[in-house]
C-alpha cells in the first residue's frame, strides 16, 4: 500500500496543508478560519478538516501526519511568549489525539531539517520575490511554484492600499515542503508519547 503524508504548517493565522503520495505533493490548501471566534474554534475547524481527509483516504493509503516542530526561539529573539507556547501545544495535542484516534503515525520535522532536505540548504538563498515579505520564506515559495503549485499559493489582494497586488501564502509552500520531508525516516521524529 502506498504511503500518504499529510504535511501541516500549523498556525492560528492560517494553516497550510499538503497531501503527498510516495513523496510527491498532490494537493495543497490553506485551512480557512473564517468565522472562527477564538483559538478553540480554530482548532475545531482544523480538526474537522483533518478528520475529513483521513476518513476519505483511510484504507487506501498508509497515512502519516507530519508537523513542523515547535520553536522556542525566533531568529535573534531568544524568547517566545508563554501564551504562544500554550496555544501551539494545544494545537499539537489536538493533532496527536486525532492521530491516536485514527491509528495513524504522527511525526514532526525541525525547520532546518526540512529546509535542508527539500530546498538543499537551511539558510535563506537571498533571492527575492515580490509578494513575499519574509526573506526566509522565499525559497519554499519559489520551490512550490516550480513544482506546479503557484495557482494554490498565489492570490490577489482584494482590498486596502495593496489591492490588486499578488501575494504568496508561505504556509501552504512550507506545508508542501514538510509533506515531502515527512517521507524521510532520518529527519522525522515520532510524537507518539506527546
Protein backbone atom coordinates (compact mmCIF):
# COMPACT_ATOMS: atom_id res chain seq x y z
CA UNK A 1 0.00 0.00 0.00
CA UNK A 2 1.29 3.47 -0.85
CA UNK A 3 2.15 5.97 1.88
CA UNK A 4 0.33 9.28 2.17
CA UNK A 5 1.75 12.12 4.24
CA UNK A 6 -0.41 14.99 5.42
CA UNK A 7 2.06 17.85 5.90
CA UNK A 8 0.95 20.70 8.15
CA UNK A 9 2.46 24.12 8.72
CA UNK A 10 0.35 24.92 11.75
CA UNK A 11 -0.63 28.46 12.67
CA UNK A 12 -3.67 30.21 14.09
CA UNK A 13 -3.47 32.79 11.28
CA UNK A 14 -3.98 30.10 8.66
CA UNK A 15 -2.66 26.56 8.49
CA UNK A 16 -1.01 25.22 5.38
CA UNK A 17 -1.89 21.63 4.48
CA UNK A 18 -0.43 19.36 1.81
CA UNK A 19 -1.21 15.79 0.82
CA UNK A 20 1.74 13.92 -0.70
CA UNK A 21 1.71 10.35 -2.03
CA UNK A 22 5.00 8.43 -2.05
CA UNK A 23 6.98 11.68 -1.80
CA UNK A 24 5.07 13.59 -4.49
CA UNK A 25 2.79 16.51 -3.42
CA UNK A 26 -0.65 16.03 -4.96
CA UNK A 27 -2.83 18.62 -3.22
CA UNK A 28 -2.30 21.72 -1.06
CA UNK A 29 -4.51 24.26 0.62
CA UNK A 30 -4.81 26.80 3.39
CA UNK A 31 -7.34 25.80 6.04
CA UNK A 32 -9.62 28.80 6.45
CA UNK A 33 -10.51 30.10 9.88
CA UNK A 34 -13.21 32.44 8.56
CA UNK A 35 -15.95 32.85 11.14
CA UNK A 36 -13.91 31.35 13.97
CA UNK A 37 -14.44 33.19 17.27
CA UNK A 38 -11.31 32.10 19.13
CA UNK A 39 -8.38 29.66 19.10
CA UNK A 40 -10.54 26.80 20.33
CA UNK A 41 -12.94 27.36 17.43
CA UNK A 42 -9.98 27.48 15.01
CA UNK A 43 -8.74 24.13 16.35
CA UNK A 44 -12.23 22.70 15.82
CA UNK A 45 -12.24 23.83 12.17
CA UNK A 46 -8.78 22.34 11.64
CA UNK A 47 -9.78 19.13 13.39
CA UNK A 48 -12.85 18.81 11.18
CA UNK A 49 -10.78 19.29 8.00
CA UNK A 50 -8.13 16.77 9.09
CA UNK A 51 -10.78 14.18 10.02
CA UNK A 52 -12.47 14.58 6.61
CA UNK A 53 -9.17 13.92 4.84
CA UNK A 54 -8.31 10.89 6.97
CA UNK A 55 -11.85 9.45 6.58
CA UNK A 56 -11.58 9.85 2.80
CA UNK A 57 -8.21 8.10 2.43
CA UNK A 58 -8.01 5.62 5.34
CA UNK A 59 -7.70 2.10 3.97
CA UNK A 60 -6.46 3.37 0.59
CA UNK A 61 -3.08 4.57 1.89
CA UNK A 62 -0.82 4.24 4.90
CA UNK A 63 -1.46 7.69 6.37
CA UNK A 64 1.12 9.69 8.30
CA UNK A 65 0.74 13.20 9.72
CA UNK A 66 3.83 15.40 9.78
CA UNK A 67 4.03 18.78 11.54
CA UNK A 68 6.67 21.46 11.76
CA UNK A 69 8.45 21.29 15.13
CA UNK A 70 7.73 23.98 17.70
CA UNK A 71 10.48 26.56 18.00
CA UNK A 72 11.24 28.02 21.42
CA UNK A 73 13.28 30.82 19.88
CA UNK A 74 12.83 33.02 16.85
CA UNK A 75 15.84 34.39 14.97
CA UNK A 76 17.66 36.87 17.15
CA UNK A 77 14.85 36.87 19.73
CA UNK A 78 15.68 34.34 22.45
CA UNK A 79 12.20 34.46 23.98
CA UNK A 80 8.83 33.21 22.76
CA UNK A 81 5.79 34.17 24.82
CA UNK A 82 4.16 31.69 27.17
CA UNK A 83 0.78 32.23 25.50
CA UNK A 84 2.30 31.23 22.13
CA UNK A 85 3.78 28.06 23.64
CA UNK A 86 0.48 27.09 25.32
CA UNK A 87 -1.68 27.74 22.26
CA UNK A 88 0.72 25.97 19.90
CA UNK A 89 0.98 22.96 22.20
CA UNK A 90 -2.84 22.85 22.41
CA UNK A 91 -2.96 22.63 18.60
CA UNK A 92 -0.28 19.93 18.50
CA UNK A 93 -2.10 18.00 21.25
CA UNK A 94 -5.23 18.09 19.07
CA UNK A 95 -3.27 16.67 16.11
CA UNK A 96 -1.79 13.92 18.29
CA UNK A 97 -5.22 12.99 19.67
CA UNK A 98 -6.66 12.71 16.15
CA UNK A 99 -3.69 10.58 15.05
CA UNK A 100 -4.18 8.27 18.04
CA UNK A 101 -7.93 8.07 17.43
CA UNK A 102 -7.42 7.01 13.81
CA UNK A 103 -4.35 4.85 14.46
CA UNK A 104 -2.06 6.87 12.19
CA UNK A 105 1.54 7.77 12.94
CA UNK A 106 2.39 11.38 13.69
CA UNK A 107 5.82 12.98 13.44
CA UNK A 108 7.38 16.38 13.36
CA UNK A 109 10.33 17.75 11.46
CA UNK A 110 12.66 20.54 12.53
CA UNK A 111 12.56 23.62 10.30
CA UNK A 112 16.26 23.43 9.45
CA UNK A 113 15.97 19.72 8.65
CA UNK A 114 13.11 20.00 6.18
CA UNK A 115 14.68 23.03 4.52
CA UNK A 116 17.99 21.23 4.01
CA UNK A 117 16.26 18.03 2.87
CA UNK A 118 13.89 19.68 0.37
CA UNK A 119 15.47 23.02 -0.54
CA UNK A 120 19.12 21.96 -0.29
CA UNK A 121 20.04 24.39 2.49
CA UNK A 122 18.61 25.55 5.80
CA UNK A 123 19.91 29.07 5.13
CA UNK A 124 18.00 31.59 3.01
CA UNK A 125 19.42 31.92 -0.50
CA UNK A 126 19.00 35.69 -0.56
CA UNK A 127 16.69 35.52 -3.57
CA UNK A 128 13.78 37.96 -3.58
CA UNK A 129 10.22 37.59 -4.75
CA UNK A 130 7.74 40.42 -4.82
CA UNK A 131 4.76 39.40 -2.72
CA UNK A 132 6.79 37.57 -0.06
CA UNK A 133 7.63 39.77 2.93
CA UNK A 134 9.79 37.38 4.96
CA UNK A 135 13.08 36.64 3.13
CA UNK A 136 13.27 33.28 4.95
CA UNK A 137 10.11 32.16 3.12
CA UNK A 138 11.13 32.99 -0.45
CA UNK A 139 12.87 29.68 -1.14
CA UNK A 140 9.91 27.49 -0.13
CA UNK A 141 7.53 29.69 -2.15
CA UNK A 142 9.75 29.50 -5.25
CA UNK A 143 10.12 25.74 -4.80
CA UNK A 144 6.33 25.25 -4.51
CA UNK A 145 5.85 27.35 -7.64
CA UNK A 146 8.49 25.34 -9.51
CA UNK A 147 6.68 22.04 -8.88
CA UNK A 148 3.30 23.30 -10.08
CA UNK A 149 1.63 24.87 -7.04
CA UNK A 150 1.75 28.56 -8.00
CA UNK A 151 -2.03 28.66 -8.51
CA UNK A 152 -2.53 27.32 -4.98
CA UNK A 153 -0.22 29.74 -3.18
CA UNK A 154 -0.57 32.96 -5.22
CA UNK A 155 -3.50 35.25 -4.52
CA UNK A 156 -4.56 38.78 -5.38
CA UNK A 157 -5.06 41.29 -2.56
CA UNK A 158 -8.72 42.29 -2.69
CA UNK A 159 -8.82 45.45 -0.56
CA UNK A 160 -6.73 48.12 1.05
CA UNK A 161 -3.76 50.04 -0.30
CA UNK A 162 -2.25 46.89 -1.84
CA UNK A 163 -5.43 45.96 -3.73
CA UNK A 164 -4.63 44.10 -6.94
CA UNK A 165 -1.10 43.09 -5.92
CA UNK A 166 -0.04 39.44 -5.94
CA UNK A 167 0.94 37.84 -2.63
CA UNK A 168 2.00 34.28 -1.80
CA UNK A 169 0.79 32.06 1.04
CA UNK A 170 4.05 30.79 2.52
CA UNK A 171 2.20 28.50 4.96
CA UNK A 172 1.00 26.40 2.02
CA UNK A 173 4.50 26.46 0.50
CA UNK A 174 6.03 25.31 3.79
CA UNK A 175 3.39 22.57 4.18
CA UNK A 176 4.35 21.24 0.75
CA UNK A 177 8.00 21.02 1.83
CA UNK A 178 7.05 19.48 5.19
CA UNK A 179 4.98 16.79 3.44
CA UNK A 180 7.91 15.89 1.20
CA UNK A 181 10.31 15.83 4.17
CA UNK A 182 7.85 13.62 6.02
CA UNK A 183 8.91 10.68 3.88
CA UNK A 184 12.46 10.84 5.25
CA UNK A 185 12.80 8.42 8.14
CA UNK A 186 16.12 10.11 9.02
CA UNK A 187 14.70 13.52 9.90
CA UNK A 188 11.18 12.86 11.18
CA UNK A 189 10.71 12.47 14.92
CA UNK A 190 7.86 10.47 16.44
CA UNK A 191 5.28 12.32 18.54
CA UNK A 192 3.69 9.14 19.90
CA UNK A 193 4.38 9.93 23.55
CA UNK A 194 3.46 13.62 23.40
